[in-house]
């Protein structure tokens, strides 16, 4: 059975504030349930399970790499420890809390490769996006182990040497390298800011044909009602 994983924690240093809530978890759970035609369960790693739907299996979020802010701590999902398999089983997909599910996810999650991730073709140096990726539990454990070293500060600084910005997704890209399978717009995966919030690309009130998931980022979030006028598909799909 596939496990759908999300992470929710309070980060006082997050530059856009503490924007992720139980509402995000519950609407993601509902969106996946409406659009995934295969057996699955939901796991949330969090420091505050209050308000999260009872169908979600909540586990305490770890403190590893928390001091660096951003989403570096999610790299621990590449660990090969038994604790991970106990929590998420043999295969899981990690989805950001600000994702909006707009179509059938089954073709995306039926793939069998050890690792698959979303990639926006307009982004250089970042082969894999931390907002959506699927992993055979325990595969590629070096992604975590090379980060989780006594010299972790230098590892974080290494991202700058590669002329890229970001956090977990940058480290994933550096360590895994180019060539792993990806999902793109051809598979129905879209990035809101880069693909849809662009009037010259398509009418702003329409989703592309075949869209399955729209990924948001940072200061742009589906809770922002001011987006709904030009993008009425957000409240249509982002709901419990």
Protein backbone atom coordinates (compact mmCIF):
# COMPACT_ATOMS: atom_id res chain seq x y z
CA UNK A 1 0.00 0.00 0.00
CA UNK A 2 1.24 3.47 -0.85
CA UNK A 3 1.67 5.94 2.00
CA UNK A 4 1.11 9.63 1.36
CA UNK A 5 3.40 11.67 3.61
CA UNK A 6 3.26 15.30 4.62
CA UNK A 7 5.18 17.31 7.21
CA UNK A 8 3.88 20.19 9.32
CA UNK A 9 5.92 22.08 11.89
CA UNK A 10 6.30 25.56 13.30
CA UNK A 11 9.41 27.34 12.10
CA UNK A 12 9.85 30.73 13.81
CA UNK A 13 12.58 31.66 11.34
CA UNK A 14 10.53 30.86 8.24
CA UNK A 15 10.56 34.01 6.16
CA UNK A 16 6.86 33.86 5.29
CA UNK A 17 5.64 33.08 8.79
CA UNK A 18 3.89 30.06 10.20
CA UNK A 19 1.48 29.52 7.32
CA UNK A 20 0.82 25.78 7.39
CA UNK A 21 -2.01 24.53 9.55
CA UNK A 22 -4.26 21.52 10.13
CA UNK A 23 -6.50 22.99 7.41
CA UNK A 24 -3.74 22.39 4.88
CA UNK A 25 -3.37 18.78 6.00
CA UNK A 26 -7.09 18.05 5.95
CA UNK A 27 -7.66 19.58 2.52
CA UNK A 28 -4.70 17.71 1.09
CA UNK A 29 -6.06 14.46 2.56
CA UNK A 30 -9.48 15.14 1.04
CA UNK A 31 -8.02 16.08 -2.34
CA UNK A 32 -5.95 12.90 -2.50
CA UNK A 33 -8.93 10.77 -1.41
CA UNK A 34 -11.06 12.19 -4.24
CA UNK A 35 -8.41 11.65 -6.87
CA UNK A 36 -6.36 8.54 -6.07
CA UNK A 37 -7.79 5.21 -7.25
CA UNK A 38 -5.40 2.93 -5.40
CA UNK A 39 -5.11 1.79 -1.79
CA UNK A 40 -3.28 4.37 0.29
CA UNK A 41 -2.91 5.73 3.79
CA UNK A 42 -1.91 9.17 5.09
CA UNK A 43 0.93 9.96 7.51
CA UNK A 44 1.79 13.40 8.89
CA UNK A 45 5.02 14.12 10.74
CA UNK A 46 4.23 17.10 12.93
CA UNK A 47 4.91 18.93 16.18
CA UNK A 48 1.21 19.72 16.59
CA UNK A 49 -1.41 17.13 15.56
CA UNK A 50 -4.36 19.14 16.90
CA UNK A 51 -7.12 19.64 14.36
CA UNK A 52 -5.77 17.04 11.94
CA UNK A 53 -8.36 14.55 10.68
CA UNK A 54 -8.48 11.34 12.68
CA UNK A 55 -7.86 9.28 9.53
CA UNK A 56 -4.29 10.61 9.43
CA UNK A 57 -1.58 8.69 11.28
CA UNK A 58 0.42 11.43 13.04
CA UNK A 59 4.02 10.95 14.20
CA UNK A 60 6.29 13.41 16.02
CA UNK A 61 8.51 15.42 13.68
CA UNK A 62 12.22 14.94 14.32
CA UNK A 63 14.56 17.79 15.26
CA UNK A 64 17.38 16.72 12.96
CA UNK A 65 18.50 19.67 10.79
CA UNK A 66 15.77 21.88 12.29
CA UNK A 67 18.35 24.54 13.18
CA UNK A 68 18.85 25.32 9.50
CA UNK A 69 15.22 26.28 8.89
CA UNK A 70 13.56 25.89 5.50
CA UNK A 71 12.84 22.22 4.79
CA UNK A 72 16.23 20.61 5.33
CA UNK A 73 14.76 18.35 7.99
CA UNK A 74 12.69 16.56 5.34
CA UNK A 75 15.90 15.03 4.03
CA UNK A 76 15.60 12.51 6.85
CA UNK A 77 12.88 10.80 4.82
CA UNK A 78 15.81 9.35 2.84
CA UNK A 79 17.06 7.56 5.95
CA UNK A 80 17.24 3.76 5.74
CA UNK A 81 16.39 3.15 9.39
CA UNK A 82 13.68 0.75 10.46
CA UNK A 83 11.84 3.66 12.08
CA UNK A 84 10.98 4.96 8.61
CA UNK A 85 9.58 1.68 7.30
CA UNK A 86 7.62 1.29 10.53
CA UNK A 87 6.03 4.69 9.94
CA UNK A 88 5.53 4.80 6.16
CA UNK A 89 5.83 1.24 4.90
CA UNK A 90 7.82 0.21 1.85
CA UNK A 91 6.86 3.01 -0.53
CA UNK A 92 5.66 6.54 -0.01
CA UNK A 93 5.04 9.82 -1.78
CA UNK A 94 5.85 13.15 -0.11
CA UNK A 95 3.55 16.06 -0.98
CA UNK A 96 3.81 19.68 0.14
CA UNK A 97 0.92 20.97 2.22
CA UNK A 98 0.16 23.79 -0.20
CA UNK A 99 -0.48 21.45 -3.14
CA UNK A 100 -3.91 21.51 -4.78
CA UNK A 101 -5.11 18.20 -6.22
CA UNK A 102 -7.10 18.86 -9.40
CA UNK A 103 -7.21 15.51 -11.22
CA UNK A 104 -6.56 11.79 -11.12
CA UNK A 105 -3.27 11.04 -9.33
CA UNK A 106 -3.32 7.32 -10.09
CA UNK A 107 -1.13 7.45 -13.23
CA UNK A 108 1.49 9.43 -11.30
CA UNK A 109 1.67 7.17 -8.27
CA UNK A 110 1.39 3.87 -10.14
CA UNK A 111 4.99 4.20 -11.32
CA UNK A 112 7.42 1.67 -9.89
CA UNK A 113 10.86 3.32 -10.11
CA UNK A 114 12.73 3.65 -6.79
CA UNK A 115 12.58 7.45 -7.01
CA UNK A 116 10.41 9.84 -9.01
CA UNK A 117 10.08 13.59 -8.49
CA UNK A 118 8.44 16.62 -9.99
CA UNK A 119 10.65 18.76 -12.19
CA UNK A 120 9.71 22.13 -13.65
CA UNK A 121 11.54 22.43 -16.95
CA UNK A 122 12.10 26.16 -16.49
CA UNK A 123 14.26 25.71 -13.36
CA UNK A 124 17.97 25.20 -13.90
CA UNK A 125 20.27 23.20 -11.59
CA UNK A 126 17.31 21.89 -9.58
CA UNK A 127 16.43 18.54 -11.10
CA UNK A 128 14.00 17.49 -8.40
CA UNK A 129 11.40 19.52 -6.53
CA UNK A 130 10.87 18.89 -2.82
CA UNK A 131 7.16 19.62 -3.22
CA UNK A 132 6.38 16.23 -4.81
CA UNK A 133 8.51 13.08 -4.85
CA UNK A 134 8.02 9.36 -4.43
CA UNK A 135 10.51 6.94 -2.90
CA UNK A 136 11.01 3.29 -2.18
CA UNK A 137 11.71 3.52 1.55
CA UNK A 138 15.43 3.23 2.26
CA UNK A 139 16.53 3.83 -1.33
CA UNK A 140 19.40 6.29 -1.80
CA UNK A 141 20.09 6.70 1.93
CA UNK A 142 23.26 8.67 1.15
CA UNK A 143 21.06 11.69 0.46
CA UNK A 144 20.46 11.86 4.21
CA UNK A 145 23.68 10.37 5.50
CA UNK A 146 25.96 12.73 3.55
CA UNK A 147 23.97 15.63 4.93
CA UNK A 148 23.74 14.36 8.50
CA UNK A 149 27.45 14.65 9.36
CA UNK A 150 29.40 16.55 12.06
CA UNK A 151 30.35 19.01 9.32
CA UNK A 152 26.75 19.69 8.35
CA UNK A 153 27.31 23.47 8.10
CA UNK A 154 29.70 22.98 5.22
CA UNK A 155 27.16 20.74 3.55
CA UNK A 156 24.57 23.52 3.69
CA UNK A 157 27.12 25.98 2.32
CA UNK A 158 27.83 23.60 -0.53
CA UNK A 159 24.54 24.51 -2.17
CA UNK A 160 25.89 28.01 -2.80
CA UNK A 161 28.96 26.58 -4.51
CA UNK A 162 26.68 24.88 -7.00
CA UNK A 163 25.03 28.22 -7.81
CA UNK A 164 21.60 27.07 -6.69
CA UNK A 165 19.19 28.23 -4.02
CA UNK A 166 16.71 26.31 -1.94
CA UNK A 167 17.00 23.65 0.71
CA UNK A 168 16.05 19.96 0.63
CA UNK A 169 15.41 19.96 -3.11
CA UNK A 170 18.84 21.43 -3.80
CA UNK A 171 20.56 18.79 -1.69
CA UNK A 172 18.49 16.08 -3.39
CA UNK A 173 19.55 17.38 -6.79
CA UNK A 174 23.23 17.63 -5.86
CA UNK A 175 23.40 14.15 -4.37
CA UNK A 176 21.18 12.23 -6.77
CA UNK A 177 22.39 13.97 -9.90
CA UNK A 178 20.62 14.32 -13.21
CA UNK A 179 18.85 11.38 -14.80
CA UNK A 180 16.28 10.01 -12.36
CA UNK A 181 12.68 9.82 -13.65
CA UNK A 182 10.55 12.93 -13.21
CA UNK A 183 7.02 14.19 -13.55
CA UNK A 184 6.51 17.34 -15.62
CA UNK A 185 3.63 19.29 -17.12
CA UNK A 186 3.33 16.48 -19.66
CA UNK A 187 2.20 14.30 -16.74
CA UNK A 188 -0.24 16.91 -15.43
CA UNK A 189 2.03 18.44 -12.78
CA UNK A 190 2.14 22.23 -12.69
CA UNK A 191 3.76 24.98 -10.65
CA UNK A 192 1.30 27.76 -9.87
CA UNK A 193 3.67 30.71 -10.06
CA UNK A 194 5.71 29.54 -13.04
CA UNK A 195 2.99 27.89 -15.11
CA UNK A 196 -0.44 29.22 -14.21
CA UNK A 197 -0.05 32.71 -12.73
CA UNK A 198 1.03 33.94 -16.14
CA UNK A 199 -1.75 35.61 -18.18
CA UNK A 200 0.26 35.29 -21.41
CA UNK A 201 0.40 31.48 -21.09
CA UNK A 202 -3.31 30.69 -20.79
CA UNK A 203 -6.52 32.34 -19.58
CA UNK A 204 -6.05 32.83 -15.86
CA UNK A 205 -9.34 31.20 -14.91
CA UNK A 206 -8.54 27.91 -16.63
CA UNK A 207 -6.54 24.85 -15.73
CA UNK A 208 -4.53 23.17 -18.47
CA UNK A 209 -6.18 20.13 -19.97
CA UNK A 210 -5.04 17.02 -18.14
CA UNK A 211 -3.88 18.86 -15.00
CA UNK A 212 -3.57 16.59 -11.95
CA UNK A 213 -1.74 18.58 -9.27
CA UNK A 214 -0.74 22.22 -8.84
CA UNK A 215 2.16 23.01 -6.55
CA UNK A 216 2.43 26.35 -4.78
CA UNK A 217 5.45 27.77 -3.00
CA UNK A 218 6.53 30.17 -0.27
CA UNK A 219 4.47 33.32 0.02
CA UNK A 220 1.85 32.18 -2.53
CA UNK A 221 -0.61 29.80 -0.94
CA UNK A 222 -4.11 28.40 -1.74
CA UNK A 223 -5.47 30.05 1.43
CA UNK A 224 -5.13 33.44 -0.28
CA UNK A 225 -8.66 34.32 -1.29
CA UNK A 226 -7.44 37.17 -3.46
CA UNK A 227 -6.28 34.53 -5.95
CA UNK A 228 -9.74 33.02 -6.31
CA UNK A 229 -11.16 35.61 -8.71
CA UNK A 230 -8.64 34.80 -11.43
CA UNK A 231 -8.27 31.16 -10.40
CA UNK A 232 -11.70 29.84 -9.34
CA UNK A 233 -10.40 26.28 -9.65
CA UNK A 234 -8.52 26.79 -6.34
CA UNK A 235 -11.59 26.85 -4.04
CA UNK A 236 -13.27 24.27 -6.29
CA UNK A 237 -10.55 21.71 -5.60
CA UNK A 238 -8.92 22.90 -2.36
CA UNK A 239 -11.63 21.79 0.07
CA UNK A 240 -12.52 19.05 2.51
